[in-house]
């Protein structure tokens, strides 16, 4: 399954630390397994249930957030050099995993509609995603990015990497919501 995930998400290769890259892949495998998702079905999952009949997939959203985070990282390095220390591997791993909890938050109901699972109604994806990352031994800095990328992190001091993922995630969401409309 790892090769299939890498085809869906080639940005995983941007993580230079091999051990960290492997752990990220293992979290992906486990999230798909727990949510009972096939790699093919993953391409159909909408990135949000807050936009009615959202045509943007969760995979496209994750890739967009990761790629936008990469651009921000590069521009910080180009302009500020070492003045703003950023951990590239943590940033990319956090961006790739920021919505990993949606694989246990979403399911398809009997009518074929994407809905929240029972667990998803009680614990949103920032919580379940951070728990998965922790379970697989990812550094707490990455669990922090996952846990704080959404509004759940608004009362916590975010690391610079978390702030970047949070901002590019919301740029993505707000622009698409403005174009595609709100469903709820």
Protein backbone atom coordinates (compact mmCIF):
# COMPACT_ATOMS: atom_id res chain seq x y z
CA UNK A 1 0.00 0.00 0.00
CA UNK A 2 2.96 2.34 0.60
CA UNK A 3 3.68 2.58 -3.13
CA UNK A 4 0.05 3.46 -3.83
CA UNK A 5 0.13 6.18 -1.17
CA UNK A 6 3.36 7.59 -2.62
CA UNK A 7 1.70 7.77 -6.06
CA UNK A 8 -1.21 9.70 -4.54
CA UNK A 9 1.05 11.91 -2.46
CA UNK A 10 4.53 12.22 -4.02
CA UNK A 11 5.29 15.15 -1.69
CA UNK A 12 6.05 12.58 1.02
CA UNK A 13 9.42 12.22 -0.72
CA UNK A 14 10.19 15.83 0.31
CA UNK A 15 10.73 14.57 3.87
CA UNK A 16 14.50 14.05 3.96
CA UNK A 17 14.61 11.99 7.17
CA UNK A 18 13.93 8.39 6.08
CA UNK A 19 12.65 7.26 9.48
CA UNK A 20 10.21 10.16 9.66
CA UNK A 21 9.07 9.52 6.08
CA UNK A 22 8.38 5.86 6.97
CA UNK A 23 6.37 6.85 10.04
CA UNK A 24 4.29 9.27 7.97
CA UNK A 25 3.54 6.47 5.52
CA UNK A 26 2.61 4.11 8.36
CA UNK A 27 0.19 6.69 9.79
CA UNK A 28 -1.41 6.99 6.35
CA UNK A 29 -1.75 3.23 6.04
CA UNK A 30 -3.30 2.92 9.48
CA UNK A 31 -5.73 5.80 8.95
CA UNK A 32 -6.97 4.25 5.71
CA UNK A 33 -7.28 0.86 7.40
CA UNK A 34 -9.20 2.24 10.40
CA UNK A 35 -11.52 4.21 8.17
CA UNK A 36 -11.97 1.22 5.86
CA UNK A 37 -10.87 3.25 2.83
CA UNK A 38 -9.28 1.83 -0.30
CA UNK A 39 -6.64 3.90 -2.03
CA UNK A 40 -8.99 4.31 -5.01
CA UNK A 41 -11.92 5.48 -2.84
CA UNK A 42 -9.65 8.07 -1.14
CA UNK A 43 -9.66 10.06 -4.39
CA UNK A 44 -13.44 10.59 -4.02
CA UNK A 45 -13.52 11.89 -0.43
CA UNK A 46 -14.41 15.60 -0.36
CA UNK A 47 -11.98 17.79 1.53
CA UNK A 48 -14.82 19.20 3.63
CA UNK A 49 -18.43 18.41 4.46
CA UNK A 50 -19.06 22.13 5.05
CA UNK A 51 -19.39 22.83 1.31
CA UNK A 52 -22.42 21.11 -0.21
CA UNK A 53 -21.41 18.58 -2.89
CA UNK A 54 -17.81 19.73 -2.63
CA UNK A 55 -16.01 18.88 -5.89
CA UNK A 56 -12.52 19.25 -4.38
CA UNK A 57 -11.06 16.03 -3.02
CA UNK A 58 -9.34 15.63 0.30
CA UNK A 59 -6.26 14.42 -1.59
CA UNK A 60 -6.12 17.58 -3.72
CA UNK A 61 -6.56 19.70 -0.60
CA UNK A 62 -3.76 17.90 1.29
CA UNK A 63 -1.44 18.25 -1.69
CA UNK A 64 -2.33 21.94 -2.09
CA UNK A 65 -1.68 22.69 1.59
CA UNK A 66 1.62 20.79 1.46
CA UNK A 67 2.76 22.52 -1.70
CA UNK A 68 1.75 25.95 -0.38
CA UNK A 69 3.65 25.25 2.87
CA UNK A 70 6.71 24.35 0.78
CA UNK A 71 6.52 27.69 -1.05
CA UNK A 72 6.21 29.59 2.23
CA UNK A 73 9.19 27.68 3.63
CA UNK A 74 11.33 28.50 0.58
CA UNK A 75 10.41 32.19 0.67
CA UNK A 76 11.18 32.45 4.38
CA UNK A 77 14.59 30.86 3.69
CA UNK A 78 15.21 33.14 0.68
CA UNK A 79 14.26 36.35 2.46
CA UNK A 80 15.10 35.75 6.12
CA UNK A 81 17.74 33.04 5.96
CA UNK A 82 18.50 31.68 9.43
CA UNK A 83 16.64 34.49 11.20
CA UNK A 84 13.47 32.36 11.08
CA UNK A 85 14.47 28.78 11.92
CA UNK A 86 11.98 26.33 10.42
CA UNK A 87 12.15 22.55 10.48
CA UNK A 88 11.41 21.58 6.89
CA UNK A 89 10.73 17.91 7.61
CA UNK A 90 8.32 18.72 10.44
CA UNK A 91 6.54 21.32 8.29
CA UNK A 92 6.05 18.94 5.36
CA UNK A 93 5.10 15.97 7.57
CA UNK A 94 2.61 18.16 9.43
CA UNK A 95 1.10 19.46 6.20
CA UNK A 96 0.81 15.94 4.78
CA UNK A 97 -0.83 14.72 8.00
CA UNK A 98 -2.88 17.78 8.98
CA UNK A 99 -6.18 16.19 7.83
CA UNK A 100 -5.28 12.53 8.39
CA UNK A 101 -7.99 12.29 11.05
CA UNK A 102 -10.64 12.83 8.37
CA UNK A 103 -10.16 9.22 7.34
CA UNK A 104 -11.74 8.20 10.66
CA UNK A 105 -14.04 11.24 10.83
CA UNK A 106 -15.77 10.55 7.49
CA UNK A 107 -17.64 7.57 6.08
CA UNK A 108 -20.10 6.83 3.31
CA UNK A 109 -23.68 6.25 4.48
CA UNK A 110 -26.16 3.77 2.99
CA UNK A 111 -27.28 6.33 0.39
CA UNK A 112 -23.70 6.90 -0.80
CA UNK A 113 -23.34 10.29 0.88
CA UNK A 114 -20.19 11.31 2.77
CA UNK A 115 -21.05 11.94 6.43
CA UNK A 116 -19.34 12.11 9.81
CA UNK A 117 -18.75 8.87 11.67
CA UNK A 118 -19.95 8.43 15.22
CA UNK A 119 -16.37 9.09 16.37
CA UNK A 120 -16.12 12.08 14.03
CA UNK A 121 -19.15 13.67 15.67
CA UNK A 122 -17.44 13.43 19.06
CA UNK A 123 -13.80 14.09 18.12
CA UNK A 124 -12.92 16.16 15.09
CA UNK A 125 -10.00 15.26 12.87
CA UNK A 126 -7.36 17.45 14.61
CA UNK A 127 -7.77 15.28 17.71
CA UNK A 128 -7.89 11.88 16.03
CA UNK A 129 -5.07 12.84 13.68
CA UNK A 130 -2.80 13.97 16.51
CA UNK A 131 -3.57 10.75 18.40
CA UNK A 132 -2.63 8.65 15.36
CA UNK A 133 0.62 10.55 14.89
CA UNK A 134 1.49 10.08 18.55
CA UNK A 135 0.59 6.40 18.44
CA UNK A 136 3.10 5.87 15.62
CA UNK A 137 5.90 7.71 17.38
CA UNK A 138 6.01 10.92 15.40
CA UNK A 139 7.66 13.83 17.19
CA UNK A 140 5.31 15.92 19.34
CA UNK A 141 6.02 18.91 17.07
CA UNK A 142 4.15 17.11 14.27
CA UNK A 143 1.25 16.09 16.53
CA UNK A 144 1.13 19.77 17.53
CA UNK A 145 0.80 20.85 13.88
CA UNK A 146 -2.05 18.39 13.34
CA UNK A 147 -3.83 19.31 16.57
CA UNK A 148 -3.54 23.08 16.07
CA UNK A 149 -4.07 23.46 12.31
CA UNK A 150 -7.77 24.20 12.75
CA UNK A 151 -9.80 26.33 15.16
CA UNK A 152 -9.07 23.83 17.93
CA UNK A 153 -5.61 25.40 18.11
CA UNK A 154 -6.76 29.00 18.46
CA UNK A 155 -6.07 29.11 22.21
CA UNK A 156 -2.62 27.54 21.99
CA UNK A 157 0.70 29.10 21.06
CA UNK A 158 1.45 27.59 17.67
CA UNK A 159 4.96 26.75 16.56
CA UNK A 160 6.09 28.56 13.39
CA UNK A 161 5.52 25.36 11.39
CA UNK A 162 2.02 25.01 12.82
CA UNK A 163 1.25 28.64 12.05
CA UNK A 164 2.22 28.09 8.41
CA UNK A 165 0.07 24.95 8.04
CA UNK A 166 -2.82 26.67 9.83
CA UNK A 167 -2.67 29.70 7.53
CA UNK A 168 -2.28 27.85 4.22
CA UNK A 169 -5.05 25.43 5.24
CA UNK A 170 -7.40 28.34 5.88
CA UNK A 171 -6.37 30.18 2.71
CA UNK A 172 -7.29 27.00 0.86
CA UNK A 173 -10.59 26.53 2.72
CA UNK A 174 -11.77 30.15 2.63
CA UNK A 175 -10.98 30.68 -1.06
CA UNK A 176 -12.72 27.46 -2.06
CA UNK A 177 -15.68 28.15 0.24
CA UNK A 178 -16.05 31.60 -1.33
CA UNK A 179 -16.04 30.15 -4.83
CA UNK A 180 -18.04 26.96 -4.22
CA UNK A 181 -20.44 28.27 -1.58
CA UNK A 182 -21.33 27.15 1.89
CA UNK A 183 -23.40 24.01 2.31
CA UNK A 184 -24.36 24.40 5.94
